[in-house]
Amino acid sequence: MQTEDMCPGTTDFKVIKEKKLAFEGVQDEIEVIGFISCGGCPGKKAITRAAEMVKRGADTIAFASCITRGNPIGFACPHADKMKSAIIAKVGEEITILDYTH
């Protein structure tokens, strides 16, 4: 959430549209149905927000690179692994989880 002040997610949307990096090799059309933040530390809001996106039709949840890689500020989220595990436990393993976008 600390990157929200400087990052509007434009690179995330660009790599989705161009099917590059984490989306390379995707043959199907990609429809973005939502874009949420973690809600701030320790990221507990991401769990219910991801579950709501699945209810609304998401079959894939992509963690933005700011969470797992620390782009652009150089600090990855210290709660990323726990957040990912909690989301998988909530939405089930049939939902694809991408660890980064770019």
PDB file of N, CA and C in Angstrom:
ATOM      1  N   MET A   1       0.821  -1.192   0.000  1.00  0.00           N
ATOM      2  CA  MET A   1       0.000   0.000   0.000  1.00  0.00           C
ATOM      3  C   MET A   1       0.869   1.261   0.000  1.00  0.00           C
ATOM      4  N   GLN A   2       2.101   1.120   0.439  1.00  0.00           N
ATOM      5  CA  GLN A   2       2.992   2.278   0.462  1.00  0.00           C
ATOM      6  C   GLN A   2       3.307   2.808  -0.928  1.00  0.00           C
ATOM      7  N   THR A   3       3.164   1.975  -1.939  1.00  0.00           N
ATOM      8  CA  THR A   3       3.463   2.431  -3.295  1.00  0.00           C
ATOM      9  C   THR A   3       2.271   3.122  -3.963  1.00  0.00           C
ATOM     10  N   GLU A   4       1.093   3.068  -3.358  1.00  0.00           N
ATOM     11  CA  GLU A   4      -0.089   3.682  -3.980  1.00  0.00           C
ATOM     12  C   GLU A   4       0.088   5.164  -4.258  1.00  0.00           C
ATOM     13  N   ASP A   5       0.874   5.844  -3.447  1.00  0.00           N
ATOM     14  CA  ASP A   5       1.080   7.277  -3.644  1.00  0.00           C
ATOM     15  C   ASP A   5       1.838   7.580  -4.933  1.00  0.00           C
ATOM     16  N   MET A   6       2.626   6.599  -5.413  1.00  0.00           N
ATOM     17  CA  MET A   6       3.446   6.859  -6.597  1.00  0.00           C
ATOM     18  C   MET A   6       3.131   5.966  -7.784  1.00  0.00           C
ATOM     19  N   CYS A   7       2.337   4.929  -7.596  1.00  0.00           N
ATOM     20  CA  CYS A   7       2.113   3.979  -8.682  1.00  0.00           C
ATOM     21  C   CYS A   7       0.624   3.764  -8.934  1.00  0.00           C
ATOM     22  N   PRO A   8       0.141   4.180 -10.096  1.00  0.00           N
ATOM     23  CA  PRO A   8      -1.263   3.971 -10.434  1.00  0.00           C
ATOM     24  C   PRO A   8      -1.547   2.617 -11.078  1.00  0.00           C
ATOM     25  N   GLY A   9      -0.550   1.734 -11.136  1.00  0.00           N
ATOM     26  CA  GLY A   9      -0.761   0.407 -11.710  1.00  0.00           C
ATOM     27  C   GLY A   9      -0.693   0.352 -13.224  1.00  0.00           C
ATOM     28  N   THR A  10      -0.198   1.391 -13.857  1.00  0.00           N
ATOM     29  CA  THR A  10      -0.214   1.429 -15.318  1.00  0.00           C
ATOM     30  C   THR A  10       0.633   0.326 -15.948  1.00  0.00           C
ATOM     31  N   THR A  11       1.771  -0.012 -15.347  1.00  0.00           N
ATOM     32  CA  THR A  11       2.606  -1.071 -15.919  1.00  0.00           C
ATOM     33  C   THR A  11       1.912  -2.419 -15.777  1.00  0.00           C
ATOM     34  N   ASP A  12       1.201  -2.623 -14.667  1.00  0.00           N
ATOM     35  CA  ASP A  12       0.439  -3.863 -14.504  1.00  0.00           C
ATOM     36  C   ASP A  12      -0.547  -4.028 -15.658  1.00  0.00           C
ATOM     37  N   PHE A  13      -1.300  -2.975 -15.948  1.00  0.00           N
ATOM     38  CA  PHE A  13      -2.280  -3.041 -17.027  1.00  0.00           C
ATOM     39  C   PHE A  13      -1.620  -3.190 -18.394  1.00  0.00           C
ATOM     40  N   LYS A  14      -0.472  -2.553 -18.575  1.00  0.00           N
ATOM     41  CA  LYS A  14       0.233  -2.639 -19.858  1.00  0.00           C
ATOM     42  C   LYS A  14       0.701  -4.065 -20.134  1.00  0.00           C
ATOM     43  N   VAL A  15       1.304  -4.736 -19.147  1.00  0.00           N
ATOM     44  CA  VAL A  15       1.787  -6.101 -19.384  1.00  0.00           C
ATOM     45  C   VAL A  15       0.632  -7.078 -19.565  1.00  0.00           C
ATOM     46  N   ILE A  16      -0.514  -6.794 -18.949  1.00  0.00           N
ATOM     47  CA  ILE A  16      -1.700  -7.624 -19.177  1.00  0.00           C
ATOM     48  C   ILE A  16      -2.169  -7.454 -20.627  1.00  0.00           C
ATOM     49  N   LYS A  17      -2.314  -6.207 -21.058  1.00  0.00           N
ATOM     50  CA  LYS A  17      -2.792  -5.931 -22.413  1.00  0.00           C
ATOM     51  C   LYS A  17      -1.874  -6.528 -23.476  1.00  0.00           C
ATOM     52  N   GLU A  18      -0.568  -6.424 -23.240  1.00  0.00           N
ATOM     53  CA  GLU A  18       0.407  -6.902 -24.214  1.00  0.00           C
ATOM     54  C   GLU A  18       0.788  -8.369 -24.003  1.00  0.00           C
ATOM     55  N   LYS A  19       0.213  -8.993 -22.959  1.00  0.00           N
ATOM     56  CA  LYS A  19       0.512 -10.393 -22.615  1.00  0.00           C
ATOM     57  C   LYS A  19       2.014 -10.640 -22.529  1.00  0.00           C
ATOM     58  N   LYS A  20       2.649  -9.815 -21.719  1.00  0.00           N
ATOM     59  CA  LYS A  20       4.088  -9.936 -21.503  1.00  0.00           C
ATOM     60  C   LYS A  20       4.353 -10.333 -20.046  1.00  0.00           C
ATOM     61  N   LEU A  21       5.591 -10.713 -19.792  1.00  0.00           N
ATOM     62  CA  LEU A  21       6.091 -11.067 -18.467  1.00  0.00           C
ATOM     63  C   LEU A  21       5.219 -12.122 -17.799  1.00  0.00           C
ATOM     64  N   ALA A  22       4.552 -11.846 -16.720  1.00  0.00           N
ATOM     65  CA  ALA A  22       3.764 -12.877 -16.032  1.00  0.00           C
ATOM     66  C   ALA A  22       2.617 -13.406 -16.892  1.00  0.00           C
ATOM     67  N   PHE A  23       2.220 -12.671 -17.913  1.00  0.00           N
ATOM     68  CA  PHE A  23       1.077 -13.044 -18.747  1.00  0.00           C
ATOM     69  C   PHE A  23       1.494 -13.614 -20.105  1.00  0.00           C
ATOM     70  N   GLU A  24       2.800 -13.776 -20.297  1.00  0.00           N
ATOM     71  CA  GLU A  24       3.314 -14.333 -21.542  1.00  0.00           C
ATOM     72  C   GLU A  24       2.809 -15.763 -21.718  1.00  0.00           C
ATOM     73  N   GLY A  25       2.373 -16.074 -22.914  1.00  0.00           N
ATOM     74  CA  GLY A  25       1.889 -17.413 -23.212  1.00  0.00           C
ATOM     75  C   GLY A  25       0.402 -17.612 -22.969  1.00  0.00           C
ATOM     76  N   VAL A  26      -0.268 -16.627 -22.401  1.00  0.00           N
ATOM     77  CA  VAL A  26      -1.711 -16.737 -22.190  1.00  0.00           C
ATOM     78  C   VAL A  26      -2.389 -16.639 -23.554  1.00  0.00           C
ATOM     79  N   GLN A  27      -3.136 -17.666 -23.905  1.00  0.00           N
ATOM     80  CA  GLN A  27      -3.792 -17.707 -25.206  1.00  0.00           C
ATOM     81  C   GLN A  27      -5.181 -17.065 -25.173  1.00  0.00           C
ATOM     82  N   ASP A  28      -5.864 -17.212 -24.048  1.00  0.00           N
ATOM     83  CA  ASP A  28      -7.219 -16.683 -23.930  1.00  0.00           C
ATOM     84  C   ASP A  28      -7.209 -15.167 -23.773  1.00  0.00           C
ATOM     85  N   GLU A  29      -8.364 -14.573 -24.023  1.00  0.00           N
ATOM     86  CA  GLU A  29      -8.524 -13.150 -23.767  1.00  0.00           C
ATOM     87  C   GLU A  29      -8.433 -12.920 -22.263  1.00  0.00           C
ATOM     88  N   ILE A  30      -7.782 -11.854 -21.869  1.00  0.00           N
ATOM     89  CA  ILE A  30      -7.672 -11.505 -20.457  1.00  0.00           C
ATOM     90  C   ILE A  30      -8.628 -10.358 -20.174  1.00  0.00           C
ATOM     91  N   GLU A  31      -9.518 -10.575 -19.230  1.00  0.00           N
ATOM     92  CA  GLU A  31     -10.447  -9.533 -18.810  1.00  0.00           C
ATOM     93  C   GLU A  31     -10.127  -9.163 -17.367  1.00  0.00           C
ATOM     94  N   VAL A  32      -9.775  -7.917 -17.139  1.00  0.00           N
ATOM     95  CA  VAL A  32      -9.524  -7.436 -15.788  1.00  0.00           C
ATOM     96  C   VAL A  32     -10.872  -7.082 -15.179  1.00  0.00           C
ATOM     97  N   ILE A  33     -11.192  -7.727 -14.055  1.00  0.00           N
ATOM     98  CA  ILE A  33     -12.490  -7.449 -13.430  1.00  0.00           C
ATOM     99  C   ILE A  33     -12.350  -6.654 -12.138  1.00  0.00           C
ATOM    100  N   GLY A  34     -11.110  -6.431 -11.700  1.00  0.00           N
ATOM    101  CA  GLY A  34     -10.901  -5.650 -10.492  1.00  0.00           C
ATOM    102  C   GLY A  34      -9.436  -5.391 -10.253  1.00  0.00           C
ATOM    103  N   PHE A  35      -9.171  -4.388  -9.464  1.00  0.00           N
ATOM    104  CA  PHE A  35      -7.804  -4.012  -9.100  1.00  0.00           C
ATOM    105  C   PHE A  35      -7.889  -3.493  -7.676  1.00  0.00           C
ATOM    106  N   ILE A  36      -7.335  -4.233  -6.733  1.00  0.00           N
ATOM    107  CA  ILE A  36      -7.473  -3.883  -5.324  1.00  0.00           C
ATOM    108  C   ILE A  36      -6.113  -3.736  -4.670  1.00  0.00           C
ATOM    109  N   SER A  37      -6.093  -3.064  -3.550  1.00  0.00           N
ATOM    110  CA  SER A  37      -4.871  -3.014  -2.745  1.00  0.00           C
ATOM    111  C   SER A  37      -5.012  -4.003  -1.598  1.00  0.00           C
ATOM    112  N   CYS A  38      -3.947  -4.194  -0.875  1.00  0.00           N
ATOM    113  CA  CYS A  38      -3.947  -5.114   0.262  1.00  0.00           C
ATOM    114  C   CYS A  38      -4.666  -4.513   1.463  1.00  0.00           C
ATOM    115  N   GLY A  39      -4.875  -3.209   1.439  1.00  0.00           N
ATOM    116  CA  GLY A  39      -5.512  -2.531   2.560  1.00  0.00           C
ATOM    117  C   GLY A  39      -4.541  -2.051   3.613  1.00  0.00           C
ATOM    118  N   GLY A  40      -3.267  -2.226   3.374  1.00  0.00           N
ATOM    119  CA  GLY A  40      -2.244  -1.817   4.338  1.00  0.00           C
ATOM    120  C   GLY A  40      -1.815  -2.977   5.223  1.00  0.00           C
ATOM    121  N   CYS A  41      -0.739  -2.752   5.927  1.00  0.00           N
ATOM    122  CA  CYS A  41      -0.147  -3.811   6.770  1.00  0.00           C
ATOM    123  C   CYS A  41      -1.112  -4.264   7.854  1.00  0.00           C
ATOM    124  N   PRO A  42      -1.157  -5.574   8.040  1.00  0.00           N
ATOM    125  CA  PRO A  42      -0.359  -6.644   7.449  1.00  0.00           C
ATOM    126  C   PRO A  42      -0.980  -7.288   6.221  1.00  0.00           C
ATOM    127  N   GLY A  43      -1.933  -6.667   5.568  1.00  0.00           N
ATOM    128  CA  GLY A  43      -2.508  -7.186   4.326  1.00  0.00           C
ATOM    129  C   GLY A  43      -3.738  -8.048   4.498  1.00  0.00           C
ATOM    130  N   LYS A  44      -4.359  -8.010   5.662  1.00  0.00           N
ATOM    131  CA  LYS A  44      -5.522  -8.876   5.922  1.00  0.00           C
ATOM    132  C   LYS A  44      -6.707  -8.568   5.008  1.00  0.00           C
ATOM    133  N   LYS A  45      -6.854  -7.330   4.594  1.00  0.00           N
ATOM    134  CA  LYS A  45      -7.989  -6.983   3.727  1.00  0.00           C
ATOM    135  C   LYS A  45      -7.885  -7.627   2.356  1.00  0.00           C
ATOM    136  N   ALA A  46      -6.672  -7.971   1.946  1.00  0.00           N
ATOM    137  CA  ALA A  46      -6.481  -8.606   0.639  1.00  0.00           C
ATOM    138  C   ALA A  46      -7.217  -9.934   0.555  1.00  0.00           C
ATOM    139  N   ILE A  47      -7.367 -10.612   1.672  1.00  0.00           N
ATOM    140  CA  ILE A  47      -7.994 -11.934   1.678  1.00  0.00           C
ATOM    141  C   ILE A  47      -9.469 -11.826   1.328  1.00  0.00           C
ATOM    142  N   THR A  48     -10.197 -10.981   2.010  1.00  0.00           N
ATOM    143  CA  THR A  48     -11.623 -10.829   1.712  1.00  0.00           C
ATOM    144  C   THR A  48     -11.841 -10.142   0.370  1.00  0.00           C
ATOM    145  N   ARG A  49     -10.944  -9.244   0.003  1.00  0.00           N
ATOM    146  CA  ARG A  49     -11.068  -8.578  -1.290  1.00  0.00           C
ATOM    147  C   ARG A  49     -10.837  -9.561  -2.434  1.00  0.00           C
ATOM    148  N   ALA A  50      -9.867 -10.445  -2.298  1.00  0.00           N
ATOM    149  CA  ALA A  50      -9.620 -11.465  -3.327  1.00  0.00           C
ATOM    150  C   ALA A  50     -10.806 -12.422  -3.423  1.00  0.00           C
ATOM    151  N   ALA A  51     -11.362 -12.808  -2.281  1.00  0.00           N
ATOM    152  CA  ALA A  51     -12.533 -13.701  -2.281  1.00  0.00           C
ATOM    153  C   ALA A  51     -13.713 -13.036  -2.989  1.00  0.00           C
ATOM    154  N   GLU A  52     -13.880 -11.761  -2.790  1.00  0.00           N
ATOM    155  CA  GLU A  52     -14.966 -11.039  -3.466  1.00  0.00           C
ATOM    156  C   GLU A  52     -14.732 -10.989  -4.973  1.00  0.00           C
ATOM    157  N   MET A  53     -13.475 -10.835  -5.384  1.00  0.00           N
ATOM    158  CA  MET A  53     -13.187 -10.839  -6.818  1.00  0.00           C
ATOM    159  C   MET A  53     -13.504 -12.201  -7.424  1.00  0.00           C
ATOM    160  N   VAL A  54     -13.211 -13.277  -6.701  1.00  0.00           N
ATOM    161  CA  VAL A  54     -13.541 -14.617  -7.190  1.00  0.00           C
ATOM    162  C   VAL A  54     -15.054 -14.771  -7.302  1.00  0.00           C
ATOM    163  N   LYS A  55     -15.794 -14.277  -6.323  1.00  0.00           N
ATOM    164  CA  LYS A  55     -17.264 -14.319  -6.396  1.00  0.00           C
ATOM    165  C   LYS A  55     -17.779 -13.585  -7.622  1.00  0.00           C
ATOM    166  N   ARG A  56     -17.047 -12.558  -8.038  1.00  0.00           N
ATOM    167  CA  ARG A  56     -17.466 -11.755  -9.187  1.00  0.00           C
ATOM    168  C   ARG A  56     -16.895 -12.251 -10.506  1.00  0.00           C
ATOM    169  N   GLY A  57     -16.253 -13.423 -10.474  1.00  0.00           N
ATOM    170  CA  GLY A  57     -15.832 -14.047 -11.715  1.00  0.00           C
ATOM    171  C   GLY A  57     -14.343 -14.209 -11.949  1.00  0.00           C
ATOM    172  N   ALA A  58     -13.487 -13.749 -11.061  1.00  0.00           N
ATOM    173  CA  ALA A  58     -12.044 -13.897 -11.272  1.00  0.00           C
ATOM    174  C   ALA A  58     -11.635 -15.366 -11.191  1.00  0.00           C
ATOM    175  N   ASP A  59     -10.808 -15.792 -12.132  1.00  0.00           N
ATOM    176  CA  ASP A  59     -10.239 -17.142 -12.054  1.00  0.00           C
ATOM    177  C   ASP A  59      -8.744 -17.089 -11.759  1.00  0.00           C
ATOM    178  N   THR A  60      -8.209 -15.876 -11.728  1.00  0.00           N
ATOM    179  CA  THR A  60      -6.794 -15.656 -11.458  1.00  0.00           C
ATOM    180  C   THR A  60      -6.638 -14.419 -10.584  1.00  0.00           C
ATOM    181  N   ILE A  61      -5.754 -14.511  -9.612  1.00  0.00           N
ATOM    182  CA  ILE A  61      -5.390 -13.362  -8.783  1.00  0.00           C
ATOM    183  C   ILE A  61      -3.910 -13.108  -9.031  1.00  0.00           C
ATOM    184  N   ALA A  62      -3.564 -11.911  -9.466  1.00  0.00           N
ATOM    185  CA  ALA A  62      -2.166 -11.551  -9.712  1.00  0.00           C
ATOM    186  C   ALA A  62      -1.710 -10.576  -8.643  1.00  0.00           C
ATOM    187  N   PHE A  63      -0.652 -10.941  -7.949  1.00  0.00           N
ATOM    188  CA  PHE A  63      -0.034 -10.011  -7.006  1.00  0.00           C
ATOM    189  C   PHE A  63       0.786  -9.019  -7.814  1.00  0.00           C
ATOM    190  N   ALA A  64       0.560  -7.750  -7.607  1.00  0.00           N
ATOM    191  CA  ALA A  64       1.354  -6.738  -8.299  1.00  0.00           C
ATOM    192  C   ALA A  64       2.810  -6.858  -7.846  1.00  0.00           C
ATOM    193  N   SER A  65       3.706  -6.488  -8.715  1.00  0.00           N
ATOM    194  CA  SER A  65       5.126  -6.635  -8.432  1.00  0.00           C
ATOM    195  C   SER A  65       5.605  -5.806  -7.248  1.00  0.00           C
ATOM    196  N   CYS A  66       4.861  -4.774  -6.886  1.00  0.00           N
ATOM    197  CA  CYS A  66       5.252  -4.001  -5.706  1.00  0.00           C
ATOM    198  C   CYS A  66       5.174  -4.860  -4.446  1.00  0.00           C
ATOM    199  N   ILE A  67       4.275  -5.823  -4.424  1.00  0.00           N
ATOM    200  CA  ILE A  67       4.113  -6.677  -3.246  1.00  0.00           C
ATOM    201  C   ILE A  67       5.254  -7.682  -3.148  1.00  0.00           C
ATOM    202  N   THR A  68       5.527  -8.403  -4.207  1.00  0.00           N
ATOM    203  CA  THR A  68       6.487  -9.510  -4.132  1.00  0.00           C
ATOM    204  C   THR A  68       7.908  -9.126  -4.518  1.00  0.00           C
ATOM    205  N   ARG A  69       8.050  -8.092  -5.337  1.00  0.00           N
ATOM    206  CA  ARG A  69       9.383  -7.697  -5.803  1.00  0.00           C
ATOM    207  C   ARG A  69       9.820  -6.327  -5.299  1.00  0.00           C
ATOM    208  N   GLY A  70       8.888  -5.596  -4.727  1.00  0.00           N
ATOM    209  CA  GLY A  70       9.232  -4.282  -4.201  1.00  0.00           C
ATOM    210  C   GLY A  70       9.325  -3.180  -5.229  1.00  0.00           C
ATOM    211  N   ASN A  71       8.857  -3.431  -6.454  1.00  0.00           N
ATOM    212  CA  ASN A  71       8.883  -2.388  -7.483  1.00  0.00           C
ATOM    213  C   ASN A  71       7.883  -1.295  -7.127  1.00  0.00           C
ATOM    214  N   PRO A  72       8.126  -0.053  -7.270  1.00  0.00           N
ATOM    215  CA  PRO A  72       9.373   0.568  -7.717  1.00  0.00           C
ATOM    216  C   PRO A  72      10.259   1.043  -6.560  1.00  0.00           C
ATOM    217  N   ILE A  73       9.842   0.877  -5.325  1.00  0.00           N
ATOM    218  CA  ILE A  73      10.591   1.482  -4.212  1.00  0.00           C
ATOM    219  C   ILE A  73      11.669   0.585  -3.625  1.00  0.00           C
ATOM    220  N   GLY A  74      11.728  -0.676  -4.052  1.00  0.00           N
ATOM    221  CA  GLY A  74      12.793  -1.555  -3.605  1.00  0.00           C
ATOM    222  C   GLY A  74      12.540  -2.305  -2.314  1.00  0.00           C
ATOM    223  N   PHE A  75      11.309  -2.276  -1.815  1.00  0.00           N
ATOM    224  CA  PHE A  75      10.975  -2.984  -0.589  1.00  0.00           C
ATOM    225  C   PHE A  75       9.783  -3.899  -0.832  1.00  0.00           C
ATOM    226  N   ALA A  76      10.053  -5.182  -0.909  1.00  0.00           N
ATOM    227  CA  ALA A  76       8.962  -6.144  -1.053  1.00  0.00           C
ATOM    228  C   ALA A  76       8.183  -6.223   0.255  1.00  0.00           C
ATOM    229  N   CYS A  77       6.942  -6.602   0.167  1.00  0.00           N
ATOM    230  CA  CYS A  77       6.089  -6.713   1.349  1.00  0.00           C
ATOM    231  C   CYS A  77       6.561  -7.869   2.230  1.00  0.00           C
ATOM    232  N   PRO A  78       6.803  -7.625   3.515  1.00  0.00           N
ATOM    233  CA  PRO A  78       7.225  -8.708   4.403  1.00  0.00           C
ATOM    234  C   PRO A  78       6.098  -9.697   4.705  1.00  0.00           C
ATOM    235  N   HIS A  79       4.868  -9.352   4.331  1.00  0.00           N
ATOM    236  CA  HIS A  79       3.711 -10.211   4.586  1.00  0.00           C
ATOM    237  C   HIS A  79       3.224 -10.939   3.338  1.00  0.00           C
ATOM    238  N   ALA A  80       3.945 -10.811   2.233  1.00  0.00           N
ATOM    239  CA  ALA A  80       3.477 -11.352   0.943  1.00  0.00           C
ATOM    240  C   ALA A  80       3.203 -12.855   0.998  1.00  0.00           C
ATOM    241  N   ASP A  81       4.112 -13.636   1.556  1.00  0.00           N
ATOM    242  CA  ASP A  81       3.913 -15.094   1.580  1.00  0.00           C
ATOM    243  C   ASP A  81       2.714 -15.489   2.434  1.00  0.00           C
ATOM    244  N   LYS A  82       2.583 -14.851   3.573  1.00  0.00           N
ATOM    245  CA  LYS A  82       1.457 -15.159   4.457  1.00  0.00           C
ATOM    246  C   LYS A  82       0.138 -14.722   3.808  1.00  0.00           C
ATOM    247  N   MET A  83       0.158 -13.570   3.158  1.00  0.00           N
ATOM    248  CA  MET A  83      -1.025 -13.077   2.464  1.00  0.00           C
ATOM    249  C   MET A  83      -1.436 -14.051   1.360  1.00  0.00           C
ATOM    250  N   LYS A  84      -0.461 -14.523   0.584  1.00  0.00           N
ATOM    251  CA  LYS A  84      -0.741 -15.466  -0.497  1.00  0.00           C
ATOM    252  C   LYS A  84      -1.330 -16.762   0.061  1.00  0.00           C
ATOM    253  N   SER A  85      -0.733 -17.291   1.108  1.00  0.00           N
ATOM    254  CA  SER A  85      -1.235 -18.534   1.714  1.00  0.00           C
ATOM    255  C   SER A  85      -2.662 -18.368   2.220  1.00  0.00           C
ATOM    256  N   ALA A  86      -2.950 -17.236   2.843  1.00  0.00           N
ATOM    257  CA  ALA A  86      -4.294 -16.980   3.371  1.00  0.00           C
ATOM    258  C   ALA A  86      -5.312 -16.832   2.245  1.00  0.00           C
ATOM    259  N   ILE A  87      -4.905 -16.221   1.139  1.00  0.00           N
ATOM    260  CA  ILE A  87      -5.806 -16.081  -0.008  1.00  0.00           C
ATOM    261  C   ILE A  87      -6.102 -17.452  -0.608  1.00  0.00           C
ATOM    262  N   ILE A  88      -5.089 -18.283  -0.766  1.00  0.00           N
ATOM    263  CA  ILE A  88      -5.301 -19.630  -1.306  1.00  0.00           C
ATOM    264  C   ILE A  88      -6.240 -20.420  -0.400  1.00  0.00           C
ATOM    265  N   ALA A  89      -6.035 -20.315   0.916  1.00  0.00           N
ATOM    266  CA  ALA A  89      -6.904 -21.024   1.862  1.00  0.00           C
ATOM    267  C   ALA A  89      -8.350 -20.544   1.746  1.00  0.00           C
ATOM    268  N   LYS A  90      -8.541 -19.259   1.459  1.00  0.00           N
ATOM    269  CA  LYS A  90      -9.887 -18.677   1.376  1.00  0.00           C
ATOM    270  C   LYS A  90     -10.579 -18.990   0.050  1.00  0.00           C
ATOM    271  N   VAL A  91      -9.848 -18.871  -1.074  1.00  0.00           N
ATOM    272  CA  VAL A  91     -10.491 -19.002  -2.387  1.00  0.00           C
ATOM    273  C   VAL A  91     -10.344 -20.389  -2.996  1.00  0.00           C
ATOM    274  N   GLY A  92      -9.452 -21.201  -2.474  1.00  0.00           N
ATOM    275  CA  GLY A  92      -9.249 -22.539  -3.003  1.00  0.00           C
ATOM    276  C   GLY A  92      -8.103 -22.607  -3.993  1.00  0.00           C
ATOM    277  N   GLU A  93      -7.596 -23.795  -4.170  1.00  0.00           N
ATOM    278  CA  GLU A  93      -6.427 -23.990  -5.025  1.00  0.00           C
ATOM    279  C   GLU A  93      -6.749 -24.011  -6.510  1.00  0.00           C
ATOM    280  N   GLU A  94      -8.044 -24.012  -6.865  1.00  0.00           N
ATOM    281  CA  GLU A  94      -8.386 -23.990  -8.289  1.00  0.00           C
ATOM    282  C   GLU A  94      -8.231 -22.596  -8.894  1.00  0.00           C
ATOM    283  N   ILE A  95      -8.090 -21.586  -8.073  1.00  0.00           N
ATOM    284  CA  ILE A  95      -7.848 -20.220  -8.547  1.00  0.00           C
ATOM    285  C   ILE A  95      -6.347 -20.071  -8.772  1.00  0.00           C
ATOM    286  N   THR A  96      -5.967 -19.580  -9.935  1.00  0.00           N
ATOM    287  CA  THR A  96      -4.560 -19.370 -10.246  1.00  0.00           C
ATOM    288  C   THR A  96      -4.063 -18.129  -9.517  1.00  0.00           C
ATOM    289  N   ILE A  97      -2.900 -18.241  -8.899  1.00  0.00           N
ATOM    290  CA  ILE A  97      -2.266 -17.108  -8.217  1.00  0.00           C
ATOM    291  C   ILE A  97      -0.959 -16.810  -8.943  1.00  0.00           C
ATOM    292  N   LEU A  98      -0.823 -15.600  -9.416  1.00  0.00           N
ATOM    293  CA  LEU A  98       0.433 -15.154 -10.051  1.00  0.00           C
ATOM    294  C   LEU A  98       1.225 -14.361  -9.022  1.00  0.00           C
ATOM    295  N   ASP A  99       2.506 -14.668  -8.903  1.00  0.00           N
ATOM    296  CA  ASP A  99       3.343 -14.048  -7.868  1.00  0.00           C
ATOM    297  C   ASP A  99       3.822 -12.640  -8.210  1.00  0.00           C
ATOM    298  N   TYR A 100       3.656 -12.221  -9.436  1.00  0.00           N
ATOM    299  CA  TYR A 100       4.104 -10.891  -9.852  1.00  0.00           C
ATOM    300  C   TYR A 100       3.403 -10.549 -11.157  1.00  0.00           C
ATOM    301  N   THR A 101       3.569  -9.317 -11.583  1.00  0.00           N
ATOM    302  CA  THR A 101       3.036  -8.914 -12.887  1.00  0.00           C
ATOM    303  C   THR A 101       4.150  -8.564 -13.858  1.00  0.00           C
ATOM    304  N   HIS A 102       5.125  -7.801 -13.386  1.00  0.00           N
ATOM    305  CA  HIS A 102       6.235  -7.350 -14.255  1.00  0.00           C
ATOM    306  C   HIS A 102       7.542  -7.271 -13.490  1.00  0.00           C
TER     307      HIS A 102
END
